[in-house]
Amino acid sequence: MPINSFEHYPMNWKPSIDRTRKPIYKTLAQQLQQDIVSGILLPGTKLPPQRELADFLDLNVSTVSKAFKMCEVKGLLSATVGSGTFVSYDAVSNAYLLEDMKPQHLIEMGATMPDNHSYEPLANQLRSMLQEPDYEKWFGYGRIGEHRWKQDAAMKLLHRSGLDTELDRILLASGGQNAIAAVLASLCKPGDRIGADLHTYPGLKTAAAMLSIQVVPIRSEAGVMSPEAFEYACKNDNIKGIYLIPDYHNPTAVTMSLEIRKRIAKVAQTYDQFIIEDGAYSLMYETPLPAVTSFAPEHGIYIASLSKSIAPGLRLAYMAVPERYKEHITKALYNLSVSVAPLFAELAARIIVSNQFESLIESHREQAIRRNEIVDRYLADYACRGADTGIFRWLLLPDALNMTGTQFEQLAARHGVQVYAADRFVVGNTAPERAVRLAVCAPGTAEELEEGVAILRRLLREQPSDSVL
């Protein structure tokens, strides 16, 4: 038993573990995971110091460290040197995505997974590459000079996304999440503040939390960031920049008008604010609007991830970076991931320069249109935002349904459908909308999607007896 008495000690987590289950560190990690999923430990919660927890449980510090590390690898925790260990802001969704946490026979409409129509052309291209006599070069370290023609490919894709830029501004990152983290790490220091929409991509919140950067909610108008509210934050909230998804915003599926893009860019220029512009969904549109960065090229960092437009497994993103930020972001990218995998960079570049990516994007778009027709057929009586080419929708819960987004998410899961509540995306102390995000392209088949939306419609209409949680 521990020497010290912890009966009245102010620890915010005092787990009880079954010591008969070995190894102990796995038992502790499973208890931590369970307490996160059940809501005992909320996102953003700071865990007790490992030494204190070890003393409380009468364990070695190394045992607690191994348990924390196991959960950190799963994306449930984030640790910052000098600040401690926190429950990740997207820990609940990460926990669900773990295979051993998934309820069986659950129709996936939570995670934004694009359809797999691009996989066969990628596989064919990869087979061709591996038959070339010098194929082994793609399994070593990449060299700076080898990126030149890949930067040309990047410019081609960025142009297709709504941004014309210069070759010497192009950087490659190991995915959009890596790119966002690198920008924050290079342009901010612990304690800095950046602005974002009231609901935003959870990956931004996770990266900011790991770096001890505060995300400040900026008021919206008609579903997009208000330029006046952005200017107010520049004057009064001591922010250093903003994060935007102007095309098919995640999660609210709203697209920013051309006029608002210009006004946001003007504010950034006036107050010398950086813009992290996430273009992950821009290619969903046949003709995207010009990027916000187009109107503030010395302040905008544009990120075009290939996860939603080609394939998530490529783990590749193209960045357009102003000269004033380039050296710092380059160093951050190297320190975070050393380099982009040469095999993935080569494969993506070949798909782009050969124009195969145009047919892949068109295939994704056609698939999305067909699936959105199913959603519209079943949910026509409800406010379900989103374009017909989008891979997710934002369903506003009707007033007659007396429950929050989280309660509806839990209700839907009990009836076999996974959706994501607005609470997962909310910034700061903002009150979340009574809404859920529906991933249209996540179900394996159109038939499975139809089954899922049929269940959701029934829940919206009938409000079953188990709806009060």
Foldseek 3Di string as FASTA:
>chain_A
DFPDDCPPPPFLDQDDFDVVDPDPLCRVLVRVLVCDQVVSAAFFDFHDPLVVNCRSVVHDSVSPVSSLVVLVVLVQWAAAVPPHITGALLNNVSSCPPPVNPDPLFFEFADQAFACPQVVVLVVLLVVLCPDPPSCVLVDDDDPVVCQLLLVLVQLVVVQLFDHDDSVQKDKFLFPLLLLLLLCVLQHAAPAEEEEAQFADSSNRRSCVNRNYAYDHFDDDPPHGDLVSVLVCLVPVRHQAYEDAQQLGPPAGHHHDPVRLLSNLVSCVVSVHAYEYESQPSLLDSHGHHGSCNNNVQRYKYKHGCCHQRNVVLSMIMIRHHPVRVVSSVVSRCVVPVGRRSSSSVSSSVCRVVVVSVVSNVVSQVVQLVLVVLLCVLQVVFPWDHDSRDQKIKTAADPVQPDAQVLLQVVLVVVRYHWAGSSSGGHDPDDGGRIIMTGRRRGNDSVSSNVSSNSVSCCSPVVDPPSPD
